[in-house]
Amino acid sequence: MTAILGDSTLLRQAHVRREVYDPRNDDHMLSFIHFLRTGNWGEIQFLAEAPYTDVPMTVLMKYAQYTQGAPRETTEQRAARLEAIPNLIQFPKPKTQAQIAEERAAALLVSNEVLARLNATA
């Protein structure tokens, strides 16, 4: 049994490190440079992180943010930024229950008047 396990190519393969990319880590930068030159990650492979869809985009964006000193904005920062932008389309405010009831009552009054006129002519 031991001879069979020793012959396994899967068990003899070196395990690849999978880590969250950190542009300040020298080992991570070497793996990134290796990827840029060869298209393979080398000894360290990285995990895709939200909101990015794949590993290369995660690494490239984190590297760009690090080198430019532009960290990703938080959800609170994004909400504040979007609140400051004036709306190009002014949507009407939703009607209150009282306004809806008034409109329905007015429509009912009109329909009752129409029915009364029809009955009077018949």
C-alpha atoms as a PDB file:
ATOM      1  CA  MET A   1       0.000   0.000   0.000  1.00  0.00           C
ATOM      2  CA  THR A   2       2.830   2.426   0.781  1.00  0.00           C
ATOM      3  CA  ALA A   3       4.393   1.879  -2.634  1.00  0.00           C
ATOM      4  CA  ILE A   4       1.142   2.862  -4.315  1.00  0.00           C
ATOM      5  CA  LEU A   5       0.870   6.104  -2.299  1.00  0.00           C
ATOM      6  CA  GLY A   6       4.520   6.902  -3.008  1.00  0.00           C
ATOM      7  CA  ASP A   7       3.918   6.570  -6.750  1.00  0.00           C
ATOM      8  CA  SER A   8       1.021   9.044  -6.743  1.00  0.00           C
ATOM      9  CA  THR A   9       1.824  12.094  -8.855  1.00  0.00           C
ATOM     10  CA  LEU A  10      -0.818  14.105  -6.997  1.00  0.00           C
ATOM     11  CA  LEU A  11       0.754  13.428  -3.615  1.00  0.00           C
ATOM     12  CA  ARG A  12       4.235  14.283  -4.912  1.00  0.00           C
ATOM     13  CA  GLN A  13       3.238  17.666  -6.326  1.00  0.00           C
ATOM     14  CA  ALA A  14       4.256  20.704  -4.310  1.00  0.00           C
ATOM     15  CA  HIS A  15       1.337  22.439  -2.677  1.00  0.00           C
ATOM     16  CA  VAL A  16       0.761  25.946  -3.921  1.00  0.00           C
ATOM     17  CA  ARG A  17       0.223  28.714  -1.394  1.00  0.00           C
ATOM     18  CA  ARG A  18      -3.091  30.527  -1.835  1.00  0.00           C
ATOM     19  CA  GLU A  19      -3.260  33.879  -0.115  1.00  0.00           C
ATOM     20  CA  VAL A  20      -5.005  37.241  -0.137  1.00  0.00           C
ATOM     21  CA  TYR A  21      -2.883  39.612  -2.239  1.00  0.00           C
ATOM     22  CA  ASP A  22      -0.982  42.290  -0.325  1.00  0.00           C
ATOM     23  CA  PRO A  23       1.080  44.679  -2.494  1.00  0.00           C
ATOM     24  CA  ARG A  24       3.369  45.475   0.482  1.00  0.00           C
ATOM     25  CA  ASN A  25       4.505  41.826   0.699  1.00  0.00           C
ATOM     26  CA  ASP A  26       7.741  41.167  -1.253  1.00  0.00           C
ATOM     27  CA  ASP A  27       6.824  37.527  -1.977  1.00  0.00           C
ATOM     28  CA  HIS A  28       3.479  38.637  -3.364  1.00  0.00           C
ATOM     29  CA  MET A  29       5.170  41.223  -5.578  1.00  0.00           C
ATOM     30  CA  LEU A  30       7.577  38.577  -6.937  1.00  0.00           C
ATOM     31  CA  SER A  31       4.632  36.348  -7.801  1.00  0.00           C
ATOM     32  CA  PHE A  32       2.879  39.310  -9.459  1.00  0.00           C
ATOM     33  CA  ILE A  33       5.982  40.143 -11.535  1.00  0.00           C
ATOM     34  CA  HIS A  34       6.237  36.457 -12.496  1.00  0.00           C
ATOM     35  CA  PHE A  35       2.600  36.605 -13.646  1.00  0.00           C
ATOM     36  CA  LEU A  36       3.236  39.733 -15.731  1.00  0.00           C
ATOM     37  CA  ARG A  37       6.179  38.048 -17.475  1.00  0.00           C
ATOM     38  CA  THR A  38       4.816  34.528 -17.957  1.00  0.00           C
ATOM     39  CA  GLY A  39       1.050  34.522 -17.365  1.00  0.00           C
ATOM     40  CA  ASN A  40       1.484  32.079 -14.428  1.00  0.00           C
ATOM     41  CA  TRP A  41       1.414  33.076 -10.776  1.00  0.00           C
ATOM     42  CA  GLY A  42       4.437  31.130  -9.607  1.00  0.00           C
ATOM     43  CA  GLU A  43       4.802  29.850  -6.041  1.00  0.00           C
ATOM     44  CA  ILE A  44       1.974  31.931  -4.587  1.00  0.00           C
ATOM     45  CA  GLN A  45      -1.508  32.081  -6.054  1.00  0.00           C
ATOM     46  CA  PHE A  46      -4.031  34.630  -4.933  1.00  0.00           C
ATOM     47  CA  LEU A  47      -7.724  34.587  -4.131  1.00  0.00           C
ATOM     48  CA  ALA A  48     -10.278  36.670  -6.009  1.00  0.00           C
ATOM     49  CA  GLU A  49     -11.855  39.286  -3.767  1.00  0.00           C
ATOM     50  CA  ALA A  50     -15.172  41.090  -4.089  1.00  0.00           C
ATOM     51  CA  PRO A  51     -16.077  43.223  -5.987  1.00  0.00           C
ATOM     52  CA  TYR A  52     -13.625  41.904  -8.592  1.00  0.00           C
ATOM     53  CA  THR A  53     -14.564  38.894 -10.694  1.00  0.00           C
ATOM     54  CA  ASP A  54     -11.194  37.194 -11.034  1.00  0.00           C
ATOM     55  CA  VAL A  55      -7.695  37.016  -9.565  1.00  0.00           C
ATOM     56  CA  PRO A  56      -5.840  39.142 -12.172  1.00  0.00           C
ATOM     57  CA  MET A  57      -8.339  42.003 -11.762  1.00  0.00           C
ATOM     58  CA  THR A  58      -8.136  41.741  -7.962  1.00  0.00           C
ATOM     59  CA  VAL A  59      -4.343  41.905  -7.980  1.00  0.00           C
ATOM     60  CA  LEU A  60      -4.103  44.651 -10.623  1.00  0.00           C
ATOM     61  CA  MET A  61      -6.643  46.889  -8.867  1.00  0.00           C
ATOM     62  CA  LYS A  62      -5.115  46.388  -5.414  1.00  0.00           C
ATOM     63  CA  TYR A  63      -1.652  47.099  -6.842  1.00  0.00           C
ATOM     64  CA  ALA A  64      -2.888  50.247  -8.630  1.00  0.00           C
ATOM     65  CA  GLN A  65      -4.677  51.483  -5.497  1.00  0.00           C
ATOM     66  CA  TYR A  66      -1.544  50.874  -3.417  1.00  0.00           C
ATOM     67  CA  THR A  67       0.865  52.609  -5.821  1.00  0.00           C
ATOM     68  CA  GLN A  68      -1.454  55.581  -6.379  1.00  0.00           C
ATOM     69  CA  GLY A  69      -2.333  55.948  -2.698  1.00  0.00           C
ATOM     70  CA  ALA A  70      -6.026  55.624  -3.561  1.00  0.00           C
ATOM     71  CA  PRO A  71      -7.682  53.022  -1.334  1.00  0.00           C
ATOM     72  CA  ARG A  72     -11.109  51.747  -2.360  1.00  0.00           C
ATOM     73  CA  GLU A  73     -13.949  53.867  -1.004  1.00  0.00           C
ATOM     74  CA  THR A  74     -16.129  52.402   1.711  1.00  0.00           C
ATOM     75  CA  THR A  75     -19.864  51.904   1.324  1.00  0.00           C
ATOM     76  CA  GLU A  76     -20.489  54.939   3.540  1.00  0.00           C
ATOM     77  CA  GLN A  77     -18.135  57.113   1.448  1.00  0.00           C
ATOM     78  CA  ARG A  78     -19.839  56.004  -1.773  1.00  0.00           C
ATOM     79  CA  ALA A  79     -23.295  56.744  -0.364  1.00  0.00           C
ATOM     80  CA  ALA A  80     -22.178  60.240   0.709  1.00  0.00           C
ATOM     81  CA  ARG A  81     -20.607  60.889  -2.719  1.00  0.00           C
ATOM     82  CA  LEU A  82     -23.747  59.815  -4.559  1.00  0.00           C
ATOM     83  CA  GLU A  83     -25.987  61.880  -2.257  1.00  0.00           C
ATOM     84  CA  ALA A  84     -24.012  64.999  -3.203  1.00  0.00           C
ATOM     85  CA  ILE A  85     -24.715  64.531  -6.931  1.00  0.00           C
ATOM     86  CA  PRO A  86     -27.871  66.375  -7.975  1.00  0.00           C
ATOM     87  CA  ASN A  87     -30.481  64.169  -9.586  1.00  0.00           C
ATOM     88  CA  LEU A  88     -31.000  64.857 -13.262  1.00  0.00           C
ATOM     89  CA  ILE A  89     -34.468  63.335 -13.110  1.00  0.00           C
ATOM     90  CA  GLN A  90     -36.782  64.641 -10.440  1.00  0.00           C
ATOM     91  CA  PHE A  91     -39.076  61.805  -9.462  1.00  0.00           C
ATOM     92  CA  PRO A  92     -42.391  62.745  -7.848  1.00  0.00           C
ATOM     93  CA  LYS A  93     -42.731  62.044  -4.173  1.00  0.00           C
ATOM     94  CA  PRO A  94     -44.925  59.038  -3.402  1.00  0.00           C
ATOM     95  CA  LYS A  95     -48.509  59.873  -2.506  1.00  0.00           C
ATOM     96  CA  THR A  96     -49.729  59.500   1.038  1.00  0.00           C
ATOM     97  CA  GLN A  97     -52.662  57.274   1.909  1.00  0.00           C
ATOM     98  CA  ALA A  98     -54.789  60.397   2.483  1.00  0.00           C
ATOM     99  CA  GLN A  99     -54.008  61.747  -0.998  1.00  0.00           C
ATOM    100  CA  ILE A 100     -54.871  58.402  -2.586  1.00  0.00           C
ATOM    101  CA  ALA A 101     -58.180  58.286  -0.657  1.00  0.00           C
ATOM    102  CA  GLU A 102     -59.050  61.860  -1.786  1.00  0.00           C
ATOM    103  CA  GLU A 103     -58.341  61.002  -5.448  1.00  0.00           C
ATOM    104  CA  ARG A 104     -60.476  57.861  -5.252  1.00  0.00           C
ATOM    105  CA  ALA A 105     -63.335  59.764  -3.591  1.00  0.00           C
ATOM    106  CA  ALA A 106     -63.204  62.475  -6.310  1.00  0.00           C
ATOM    107  CA  ALA A 107     -63.230  59.836  -9.070  1.00  0.00           C
ATOM    108  CA  LEU A 108     -66.170  58.099  -7.400  1.00  0.00           C
ATOM    109  CA  LEU A 109     -68.071  61.397  -7.199  1.00  0.00           C
ATOM    110  CA  VAL A 110     -67.507  62.011 -10.921  1.00  0.00           C
ATOM    111  CA  SER A 111     -68.642  58.510 -11.845  1.00  0.00           C
ATOM    112  CA  ASN A 112     -71.773  58.886  -9.634  1.00  0.00           C
ATOM    113  CA  GLU A 113     -72.620  62.168 -11.394  1.00  0.00           C
ATOM    114  CA  VAL A 114     -72.223  60.532 -14.816  1.00  0.00           C
ATOM    115  CA  LEU A 115     -74.470  57.633 -13.768  1.00  0.00           C
ATOM    116  CA  ALA A 116     -77.060  60.050 -12.388  1.00  0.00           C
ATOM    117  CA  ARG A 117     -77.158  61.961 -15.724  1.00  0.00           C
ATOM    118  CA  LEU A 118     -77.482  58.712 -17.659  1.00  0.00           C
ATOM    119  CA  ASN A 119     -80.372  57.577 -15.425  1.00  0.00           C
ATOM    120  CA  ALA A 120     -82.074  60.981 -15.754  1.00  0.00           C
ATOM    121  CA  THR A 121     -82.053  60.812 -19.587  1.00  0.00           C
ATOM    122  CA  ALA A 122     -83.280  57.242 -19.720  1.00  0.00           C
END
